[in-house]
Amino acid sequence: MPGNPGHSGRVGNLDERIDLGVGRAPGGDQTTAMAMSGGSYPTADNFPEQVQYLVAYLDDAMPAGHPFAKVKAQPMGPTAPEVWLLGSSDYSGALAAQLGLRFAFAHFISADGGDGVMRDYKHRYQPSPREAEPHALLTVFVICAETDAEAERRAMSIDLRRLNMDYGINSQVPSQQEAEARAYTAEEKQRIAYNRRRVVIGKPETVKARLLALQAQFEADELMMITITGDYRTRLESYRLVAEAFELGKP
């Protein structure tokens, strides 16, 4: 289904930008995913067709003879959001390349093989009316603090959160106090170290260097970060420190 090249959400000022990320699953654990999809785990059976319908609605480009041609996305306007396919495996990358859409890889979910998926997406990319060239984004989990040691300490909350998820415990993110009070077995420490591969932790200089290295490794056009800690204040500080390290918001 062709898109409309006149409908583009791309603007020069990131403050005015609206993107639309589309994934196969609603996120969370398996039980949550099933609850969000009518009691069955979502599959990819109809996903490509659903994406094509979505883009056609956004661009008002449904073929005239199509039975759904009279369906219009509201509100209508001169622009439409950029559409990104989200994924942590090669499936969404391959589909984004085939449909000529942007692709975002979730490094915070999978630390293995993503650079190959990203390169394969760009190599296989088929230009579309929406996107003449491939555009790739890398999403990274970041915990930044004034010092490397403090960042490591704050990462303890997500360490415990991910360990709980490995055990099938769907609880809230533990507080810093809860995380520091938890004793770990040798096996659990190994599991935490394994999960840490998906996290960039450190002071601003450390984080900036690591993010730029990941961007080069993945040949990513953009970086996006997510931060989760034991409280809102430290999350906000993490974002602020990274923004300052990259001089974001300056003319």
C-alpha atoms as a PDB file:
ATOM      1  CA  MET A   1       0.000   0.000   0.000  1.00  0.00           C
ATOM      2  CA  PRO A   2       1.682   3.249  -1.060  1.00  0.00           C
ATOM      3  CA  GLY A   3       2.273   6.068   1.363  1.00  0.00           C
ATOM      4  CA  ASN A   4       1.892   9.770   0.698  1.00  0.00           C
ATOM      5  CA  PRO A   5       5.203  11.631   0.457  1.00  0.00           C
ATOM      6  CA  GLY A   6       3.408  14.819   1.394  1.00  0.00           C
ATOM      7  CA  HIS A   7       2.644  13.439   4.825  1.00  0.00           C
ATOM      8  CA  SER A   8       5.786  13.601   6.915  1.00  0.00           C
ATOM      9  CA  GLY A   9       6.253  14.223  10.603  1.00  0.00           C
ATOM     10  CA  ARG A  10       9.936  15.089  10.189  1.00  0.00           C
ATOM     11  CA  VAL A  11      10.735  18.564  11.454  1.00  0.00           C
ATOM     12  CA  GLY A  12      13.919  20.391  12.297  1.00  0.00           C
ATOM     13  CA  ASN A  13      13.071  21.008  15.956  1.00  0.00           C
ATOM     14  CA  LEU A  14      12.941  17.829  18.056  1.00  0.00           C
ATOM     15  CA  ASP A  15      10.575  19.597  20.480  1.00  0.00           C
ATOM     16  CA  GLU A  16       7.943  19.557  17.706  1.00  0.00           C
ATOM     17  CA  ARG A  17       8.498  15.977  16.633  1.00  0.00           C
ATOM     18  CA  ILE A  18       5.943  13.201  17.095  1.00  0.00           C
ATOM     19  CA  ASP A  19       6.943   9.603  16.317  1.00  0.00           C
ATOM     20  CA  LEU A  20       4.847   6.441  16.285  1.00  0.00           C
ATOM     21  CA  GLY A  21       6.503   3.213  17.405  1.00  0.00           C
ATOM     22  CA  VAL A  22       4.819  -0.061  16.468  1.00  0.00           C
ATOM     23  CA  GLY A  23       5.676  -3.468  17.903  1.00  0.00           C
ATOM     24  CA  ARG A  24       4.225  -6.959  17.796  1.00  0.00           C
ATOM     25  CA  ALA A  25       3.686  -7.267  21.557  1.00  0.00           C
ATOM     26  CA  PRO A  26       2.340  -4.813  24.156  1.00  0.00           C
ATOM     27  CA  GLY A  27       5.414  -5.270  26.370  1.00  0.00           C
ATOM     28  CA  GLY A  28       5.814  -6.616  29.872  1.00  0.00           C
ATOM     29  CA  ASP A  29       5.816 -10.267  30.852  1.00  0.00           C
ATOM     30  CA  GLN A  30       3.897 -13.047  29.090  1.00  0.00           C
ATOM     31  CA  THR A  31       0.888 -12.820  31.403  1.00  0.00           C
ATOM     32  CA  THR A  32       0.554  -9.072  30.781  1.00  0.00           C
ATOM     33  CA  ALA A  33       0.930  -9.565  27.036  1.00  0.00           C
ATOM     34  CA  MET A  34      -1.844 -12.174  27.071  1.00  0.00           C
ATOM     35  CA  ALA A  35      -4.110  -9.922  29.130  1.00  0.00           C
ATOM     36  CA  MET A  36      -3.631  -7.119  26.604  1.00  0.00           C
ATOM     37  CA  SER A  37      -4.414  -9.327  23.614  1.00  0.00           C
ATOM     38  CA  GLY A  38      -7.620 -11.076  24.599  1.00  0.00           C
ATOM     39  CA  GLY A  39      -6.175 -14.029  26.502  1.00  0.00           C
ATOM     40  CA  SER A  40      -3.745 -15.375  23.900  1.00  0.00           C
ATOM     41  CA  TYR A  41      -0.101 -14.515  23.342  1.00  0.00           C
ATOM     42  CA  PRO A  42       0.216 -12.172  20.326  1.00  0.00           C
ATOM     43  CA  THR A  43       1.716 -13.664  17.186  1.00  0.00           C
ATOM     44  CA  ALA A  44       3.144 -12.143  14.036  1.00  0.00           C
ATOM     45  CA  ASP A  45       0.587 -13.777  11.738  1.00  0.00           C
ATOM     46  CA  ASN A  46      -1.257 -10.571  10.800  1.00  0.00           C
ATOM     47  CA  PHE A  47       1.350  -8.017  11.869  1.00  0.00           C
ATOM     48  CA  PRO A  48       2.697  -7.079   8.391  1.00  0.00           C
ATOM     49  CA  GLU A  49      -0.817  -6.481   7.075  1.00  0.00           C
ATOM     50  CA  GLN A  50      -1.736  -4.468  10.179  1.00  0.00           C
ATOM     51  CA  VAL A  51       1.312  -2.241   9.714  1.00  0.00           C
ATOM     52  CA  GLN A  52       0.447  -1.628   6.065  1.00  0.00           C
ATOM     53  CA  TYR A  53      -3.119  -0.701   7.001  1.00  0.00           C
ATOM     54  CA  LEU A  54      -1.868   1.656   9.705  1.00  0.00           C
ATOM     55  CA  VAL A  55       0.486   3.485   7.338  1.00  0.00           C
ATOM     56  CA  ALA A  56      -2.224   3.740   4.682  1.00  0.00           C
ATOM     57  CA  TYR A  57      -4.641   5.272   7.204  1.00  0.00           C
ATOM     58  CA  LEU A  58      -2.016   7.740   8.448  1.00  0.00           C
ATOM     59  CA  ASP A  59      -1.152   8.831   4.903  1.00  0.00           C
ATOM     60  CA  ASP A  60      -4.765   8.744   3.644  1.00  0.00           C
ATOM     61  CA  ALA A  61      -3.499   6.402   0.953  1.00  0.00           C
ATOM     62  CA  MET A  62      -5.935   3.508   1.014  1.00  0.00           C
ATOM     63  CA  PRO A  63      -6.678   2.463  -2.614  1.00  0.00           C
ATOM     64  CA  ALA A  64      -9.972   3.889  -3.854  1.00  0.00           C
ATOM     65  CA  GLY A  65     -11.520   0.480  -4.522  1.00  0.00           C
ATOM     66  CA  HIS A  66     -10.568  -0.969  -1.131  1.00  0.00           C
ATOM     67  CA  PRO A  67     -13.550  -1.868   1.153  1.00  0.00           C
ATOM     68  CA  PHE A  68     -11.989   0.247   3.929  1.00  0.00           C
ATOM     69  CA  ALA A  69     -11.212   3.253   1.731  1.00  0.00           C
ATOM     70  CA  LYS A  70     -13.884   5.369   3.421  1.00  0.00           C
ATOM     71  CA  VAL A  71     -12.272   4.888   6.836  1.00  0.00           C
ATOM     72  CA  LYS A  72     -10.289   8.010   7.748  1.00  0.00           C
ATOM     73  CA  ALA A  73      -7.839   8.537  10.592  1.00  0.00           C
ATOM     74  CA  GLN A  74      -8.827  11.465  12.786  1.00  0.00           C
ATOM     75  CA  PRO A  75      -7.793  14.168  13.304  1.00  0.00           C
ATOM     76  CA  MET A  76      -6.634  14.824   9.743  1.00  0.00           C
ATOM     77  CA  GLY A  77      -3.776  17.218   9.083  1.00  0.00           C
ATOM     78  CA  PRO A  78      -0.940  18.115   6.706  1.00  0.00           C
ATOM     79  CA  THR A  79       1.521  15.845   8.520  1.00  0.00           C
ATOM     80  CA  ALA A  80       1.634  12.370  10.015  1.00  0.00           C
ATOM     81  CA  PRO A  81       4.000  10.835  12.590  1.00  0.00           C
ATOM     82  CA  GLU A  82       7.146   9.037  11.515  1.00  0.00           C
ATOM     83  CA  VAL A  83       6.476   5.303  11.810  1.00  0.00           C
ATOM     84  CA  TRP A  84       9.096   3.091  13.459  1.00  0.00           C
ATOM     85  CA  LEU A  85       8.952  -0.685  13.734  1.00  0.00           C
ATOM     86  CA  LEU A  86      10.247  -1.731  17.141  1.00  0.00           C
ATOM     87  CA  GLY A  87      12.072  -4.973  17.798  1.00  0.00           C
ATOM     88  CA  SER A  88      14.715  -6.890  19.718  1.00  0.00           C
ATOM     89  CA  SER A  89      15.265  -9.551  17.038  1.00  0.00           C
ATOM     90  CA  ASP A  90      15.686  -9.717  13.281  1.00  0.00           C
ATOM     91  CA  TYR A  91      11.938 -10.016  12.513  1.00  0.00           C
ATOM     92  CA  SER A  92      10.966  -6.346  12.801  1.00  0.00           C
ATOM     93  CA  GLY A  93      14.184  -5.229  11.130  1.00  0.00           C
ATOM     94  CA  ALA A  94      13.489  -7.398   8.105  1.00  0.00           C
ATOM     95  CA  LEU A  95       9.870  -6.218   7.933  1.00  0.00           C
ATOM     96  CA  ALA A  96      10.870  -2.553   8.249  1.00  0.00           C
ATOM     97  CA  ALA A  97      13.334  -3.019   5.397  1.00  0.00           C
ATOM     98  CA  GLN A  98      10.693  -4.679   3.235  1.00  0.00           C
ATOM     99  CA  LEU A  99       8.036  -2.016   3.885  1.00  0.00           C
ATOM    100  CA  GLY A 100      10.415   0.949   3.695  1.00  0.00           C
ATOM    101  CA  LEU A 101       9.927   2.104   7.293  1.00  0.00           C
ATOM    102  CA  ARG A 102      12.175   3.225  10.109  1.00  0.00           C
ATOM    103  CA  PHE A 103      13.534   0.661  12.556  1.00  0.00           C
ATOM    104  CA  ALA A 104      14.294   0.891  16.281  1.00  0.00           C
ATOM    105  CA  PHE A 105      16.304  -1.860  17.963  1.00  0.00           C
ATOM    106  CA  ALA A 106      15.773  -2.477  21.691  1.00  0.00           C
ATOM    107  CA  HIS A 107      19.286  -2.997  23.054  1.00  0.00           C
ATOM    108  CA  PHE A 108      17.809  -2.684  26.561  1.00  0.00           C
ATOM    109  CA  ILE A 109      15.980  -5.956  25.908  1.00  0.00           C
ATOM    110  CA  SER A 110      18.625  -7.855  23.951  1.00  0.00           C
ATOM    111  CA  ALA A 111      22.374  -7.199  24.016  1.00  0.00           C
ATOM    112  CA  ASP A 112      23.160  -9.949  21.495  1.00  0.00           C
ATOM    113  CA  GLY A 113      23.299  -9.630  17.717  1.00  0.00           C
ATOM    114  CA  GLY A 114      21.585  -6.268  17.407  1.00  0.00           C
ATOM    115  CA  ASP A 115      24.395  -4.690  15.420  1.00  0.00           C
ATOM    116  CA  GLY A 116      24.044  -7.387  12.770  1.00  0.00           C
ATOM    117  CA  VAL A 117      20.270  -6.897  12.695  1.00  0.00           C
ATOM    118  CA  MET A 118      20.748  -3.158  12.188  1.00  0.00           C
ATOM    119  CA  ARG A 119      23.249  -3.596   9.368  1.00  0.00           C
ATOM    120  CA  ASP A 120      21.034  -6.194   7.692  1.00  0.00           C
ATOM    121  CA  TYR A 121      18.086  -3.790   7.874  1.00  0.00           C
ATOM    122  CA  LYS A 122      20.066  -1.106   6.064  1.00  0.00           C
ATOM    123  CA  HIS A 123      21.484  -3.560   3.525  1.00  0.00           C
ATOM    124  CA  ARG A 124      18.050  -4.962   2.603  1.00  0.00           C
ATOM    125  CA  TYR A 125      16.171  -1.675   2.743  1.00  0.00           C
ATOM    126  CA  GLN A 126      13.649  -1.035  -0.018  1.00  0.00           C
ATOM    127  CA  PRO A 127      12.864   2.675  -0.529  1.00  0.00           C
ATOM    128  CA  SER A 128       9.230   3.675  -0.054  1.00  0.00           C
ATOM    129  CA  PRO A 129       7.174   6.837  -0.654  1.00  0.00           C
ATOM    130  CA  ARG A 130       7.498   7.488   3.082  1.00  0.00           C
ATOM    131  CA  GLU A 131      11.237   6.904   3.454  1.00  0.00           C
ATOM    132  CA  ALA A 132      13.719   7.092   0.584  1.00  0.00           C
ATOM    133  CA  GLU A 133      16.528   5.795   2.808  1.00  0.00           C
ATOM    134  CA  PRO A 134      16.770   3.575   5.902  1.00  0.00           C
ATOM    135  CA  HIS A 135      16.768   5.229   9.297  1.00  0.00           C
ATOM    136  CA  ALA A 136      17.782   3.278  12.398  1.00  0.00           C
ATOM    137  CA  LEU A 137      17.467   4.073  16.083  1.00  0.00           C
ATOM    138  CA  LEU A 138      19.128   2.291  19.003  1.00  0.00           C
ATOM    139  CA  THR A 139      17.329   2.276  22.362  1.00  0.00           C
ATOM    140  CA  VAL A 140      19.681   1.896  25.328  1.00  0.00           C
ATOM    141  CA  PHE A 141      19.119   1.500  29.063  1.00  0.00           C
ATOM    142  CA  VAL A 142      21.169   4.149  30.886  1.00  0.00           C
ATOM    143  CA  ILE A 143      21.831   4.939  34.534  1.00  0.00           C
ATOM    144  CA  CYS A 144      23.929   8.081  34.962  1.00  0.00           C
ATOM    145  CA  ALA A 145      25.076   9.774  38.184  1.00  0.00           C
ATOM    146  CA  GLU A 146      27.748  12.253  39.229  1.00  0.00           C
ATOM    147  CA  THR A 147      30.262   9.428  39.760  1.00  0.00           C
ATOM    148  CA  ASP A 148      30.726   5.911  38.420  1.00  0.00           C
ATOM    149  CA  ALA A 149      30.412   4.521  41.952  1.00  0.00           C
ATOM    150  CA  GLU A 150      27.098   6.262  42.593  1.00  0.00           C
ATOM    151  CA  ALA A 151      25.728   5.095  39.246  1.00  0.00           C
ATOM    152  CA  GLU A 152      26.683   1.524  40.129  1.00  0.00           C
ATOM    153  CA  ARG A 153      24.872   1.879  43.457  1.00  0.00           C
ATOM    154  CA  ARG A 154      21.718   3.199  41.822  1.00  0.00           C
ATOM    155  CA  ALA A 155      21.765   0.346  39.322  1.00  0.00           C
ATOM    156  CA  MET A 156      21.093  -2.078  42.175  1.00  0.00           C
ATOM    157  CA  SER A 157      17.346  -1.398  41.948  1.00  0.00           C
ATOM    158  CA  ILE A 158      17.117  -2.509  38.326  1.00  0.00           C
ATOM    159  CA  ASP A 159      19.435  -5.440  39.095  1.00  0.00           C
ATOM    160  CA  LEU A 160      16.885  -6.724  41.589  1.00  0.00           C
ATOM    161  CA  ARG A 161      13.939  -5.864  39.337  1.00  0.00           C
ATOM    162  CA  ARG A 162      15.354  -7.915  36.463  1.00  0.00           C
ATOM    163  CA  LEU A 163      16.244 -10.776  38.772  1.00  0.00           C
ATOM    164  CA  ASN A 164      12.646 -10.805  40.039  1.00  0.00           C
ATOM    165  CA  MET A 165      11.435 -10.907  36.430  1.00  0.00           C
ATOM    166  CA  ASP A 166      13.705 -13.922  35.798  1.00  0.00           C
ATOM    167  CA  TYR A 167      11.924 -15.605  38.697  1.00  0.00           C
ATOM    168  CA  GLY A 168       8.511 -14.672  37.289  1.00  0.00           C
ATOM    169  CA  ILE A 169       7.914 -12.113  40.044  1.00  0.00           C
ATOM    170  CA  ASN A 170       6.064  -9.152  38.525  1.00  0.00           C
ATOM    171  CA  SER A 171       6.581  -6.586  41.283  1.00  0.00           C
ATOM    172  CA  GLN A 172       7.209  -2.862  41.342  1.00  0.00           C
ATOM    173  CA  VAL A 173      10.728  -1.531  40.860  1.00  0.00           C
ATOM    174  CA  PRO A 174      12.466  -2.030  44.225  1.00  0.00           C
ATOM    175  CA  SER A 175      13.583   1.028  46.141  1.00  0.00           C
ATOM    176  CA  GLN A 176      17.258   1.709  46.715  1.00  0.00           C
ATOM    177  CA  GLN A 177      16.879   0.545  50.314  1.00  0.00           C
ATOM    178  CA  GLU A 178      15.225  -2.723  49.280  1.00  0.00           C
ATOM    179  CA  ALA A 179      17.917  -3.403  46.700  1.00  0.00           C
ATOM    180  CA  GLU A 180      20.778  -2.733  49.113  1.00  0.00           C
ATOM    181  CA  ALA A 181      19.224  -4.978  51.768  1.00  0.00           C
ATOM    182  CA  ARG A 182      18.938  -7.981  49.407  1.00  0.00           C
ATOM    183  CA  ALA A 183      21.543 -10.735  49.760  1.00  0.00           C
ATOM    184  CA  TYR A 184      22.467 -12.625  46.580  1.00  0.00           C
ATOM    185  CA  THR A 185      23.701 -16.119  45.932  1.00  0.00           C
ATOM    186  CA  ALA A 186      26.694 -16.697  43.667  1.00  0.00           C
ATOM    187  CA  GLU A 187      24.338 -17.861  40.905  1.00  0.00           C
ATOM    188  CA  GLU A 188      22.188 -14.739  41.262  1.00  0.00           C
ATOM    189  CA  LYS A 189      25.275 -12.530  41.027  1.00  0.00           C
ATOM    190  CA  GLN A 190      26.171 -14.244  37.767  1.00  0.00           C
ATOM    191  CA  ARG A 191      22.670 -13.596  36.482  1.00  0.00           C
ATOM    192  CA  ILE A 192      22.915  -9.923  37.446  1.00  0.00           C
ATOM    193  CA  ALA A 193      26.243  -9.614  35.628  1.00  0.00           C
ATOM    194  CA  TYR A 194      24.656 -11.192  32.552  1.00  0.00           C
ATOM    195  CA  ASN A 195      21.742  -8.725  32.620  1.00  0.00           C
ATOM    196  CA  ARG A 196      24.129  -5.803  33.111  1.00  0.00           C
ATOM    197  CA  ARG A 197      25.266  -6.218  29.493  1.00  0.00           C
ATOM    198  CA  ARG A 198      22.074  -4.423  28.521  1.00  0.00           C
ATOM    199  CA  VAL A 199      22.789  -1.381  30.696  1.00  0.00           C
ATOM    200  CA  VAL A 200      25.140   1.594  30.320  1.00  0.00           C
ATOM    201  CA  ILE A 201      26.155   2.733  33.801  1.00  0.00           C
ATOM    202  CA  GLY A 202      28.446   5.539  34.944  1.00  0.00           C
ATOM    203  CA  LYS A 203      29.202   9.234  35.262  1.00  0.00           C
ATOM    204  CA  PRO A 204      28.400  11.536  32.315  1.00  0.00           C
ATOM    205  CA  GLU A 205      31.769  11.132  30.598  1.00  0.00           C
ATOM    206  CA  THR A 206      31.612   7.338  30.928  1.00  0.00           C
ATOM    207  CA  VAL A 207      28.044   7.155  29.631  1.00  0.00           C
ATOM    208  CA  LYS A 208      28.677   9.497  26.705  1.00  0.00           C
ATOM    209  CA  ALA A 209      31.708   7.523  25.544  1.00  0.00           C
ATOM    210  CA  ARG A 210      29.850   4.221  25.793  1.00  0.00           C
ATOM    211  CA  LEU A 211      26.772   5.535  23.962  1.00  0.00           C
ATOM    212  CA  LEU A 212      28.873   6.915  21.124  1.00  0.00           C
ATOM    213  CA  ALA A 213      30.690   3.590  20.886  1.00  0.00           C
ATOM    214  CA  LEU A 214      27.357   1.761  20.655  1.00  0.00           C
ATOM    215  CA  GLN A 215      26.123   4.194  18.028  1.00  0.00           C
ATOM    216  CA  ALA A 216      29.203   3.494  15.917  1.00  0.00           C
ATOM    217  CA  GLN A 217      28.995  -0.274  16.473  1.00  0.00           C
ATOM    218  CA  PHE A 218      25.323  -0.390  15.435  1.00  0.00           C
ATOM    219  CA  GLU A 219      25.643   2.293  12.742  1.00  0.00           C
ATOM    220  CA  ALA A 220      22.633   3.926  14.371  1.00  0.00           C
ATOM    221  CA  ASP A 221      21.294   7.216  13.058  1.00  0.00           C
ATOM    222  CA  GLU A 222      19.765   8.086  16.417  1.00  0.00           C
ATOM    223  CA  LEU A 223      20.014   7.071  20.056  1.00  0.00           C
ATOM    224  CA  MET A 224      17.183   6.861  22.563  1.00  0.00           C
ATOM    225  CA  MET A 225      17.652   6.183  26.257  1.00  0.00           C
ATOM    226  CA  ILE A 226      15.490   4.770  28.997  1.00  0.00           C
ATOM    227  CA  THR A 227      16.291   5.108  32.688  1.00  0.00           C
ATOM    228  CA  ILE A 228      14.677   3.237  35.559  1.00  0.00           C
ATOM    229  CA  THR A 229      15.956   3.587  39.116  1.00  0.00           C
ATOM    230  CA  GLY A 230      14.473   3.233  42.576  1.00  0.00           C
ATOM    231  CA  ASP A 231      12.962   6.731  42.674  1.00  0.00           C
ATOM    232  CA  TYR A 232      11.901   9.566  40.395  1.00  0.00           C
ATOM    233  CA  ARG A 233      14.583  12.026  41.537  1.00  0.00           C
ATOM    234  CA  THR A 234      17.489   9.832  40.435  1.00  0.00           C
ATOM    235  CA  ARG A 235      15.793   9.021  37.124  1.00  0.00           C
ATOM    236  CA  LEU A 236      15.373  12.720  36.390  1.00  0.00           C
ATOM    237  CA  GLU A 237      18.982  13.393  37.360  1.00  0.00           C
ATOM    238  CA  SER A 238      20.170  10.628  35.036  1.00  0.00           C
ATOM    239  CA  TYR A 239      18.375  12.197  32.070  1.00  0.00           C
ATOM    240  CA  ARG A 240      19.648  15.679  32.980  1.00  0.00           C
ATOM    241  CA  LEU A 241      23.271  14.580  33.252  1.00  0.00           C
ATOM    242  CA  VAL A 242      23.197  12.785  29.904  1.00  0.00           C
ATOM    243  CA  ALA A 243      21.480  15.769  28.243  1.00  0.00           C
ATOM    244  CA  GLU A 244      24.190  18.055  29.600  1.00  0.00           C
ATOM    245  CA  ALA A 245      26.964  15.678  28.478  1.00  0.00           C
ATOM    246  CA  PHE A 246      25.618  15.810  24.913  1.00  0.00           C
ATOM    247  CA  GLU A 247      24.855  19.543  25.175  1.00  0.00           C
ATOM    248  CA  LEU A 248      21.230  18.957  24.247  1.00  0.00           C
ATOM    249  CA  GLY A 249      18.989  21.991  24.223  1.00  0.00           C
ATOM    250  CA  LYS A 250      21.793  24.410  23.374  1.00  0.00           C
ATOM    251  CA  PRO A 251      21.592  26.489  20.168  1.00  0.00           C
END
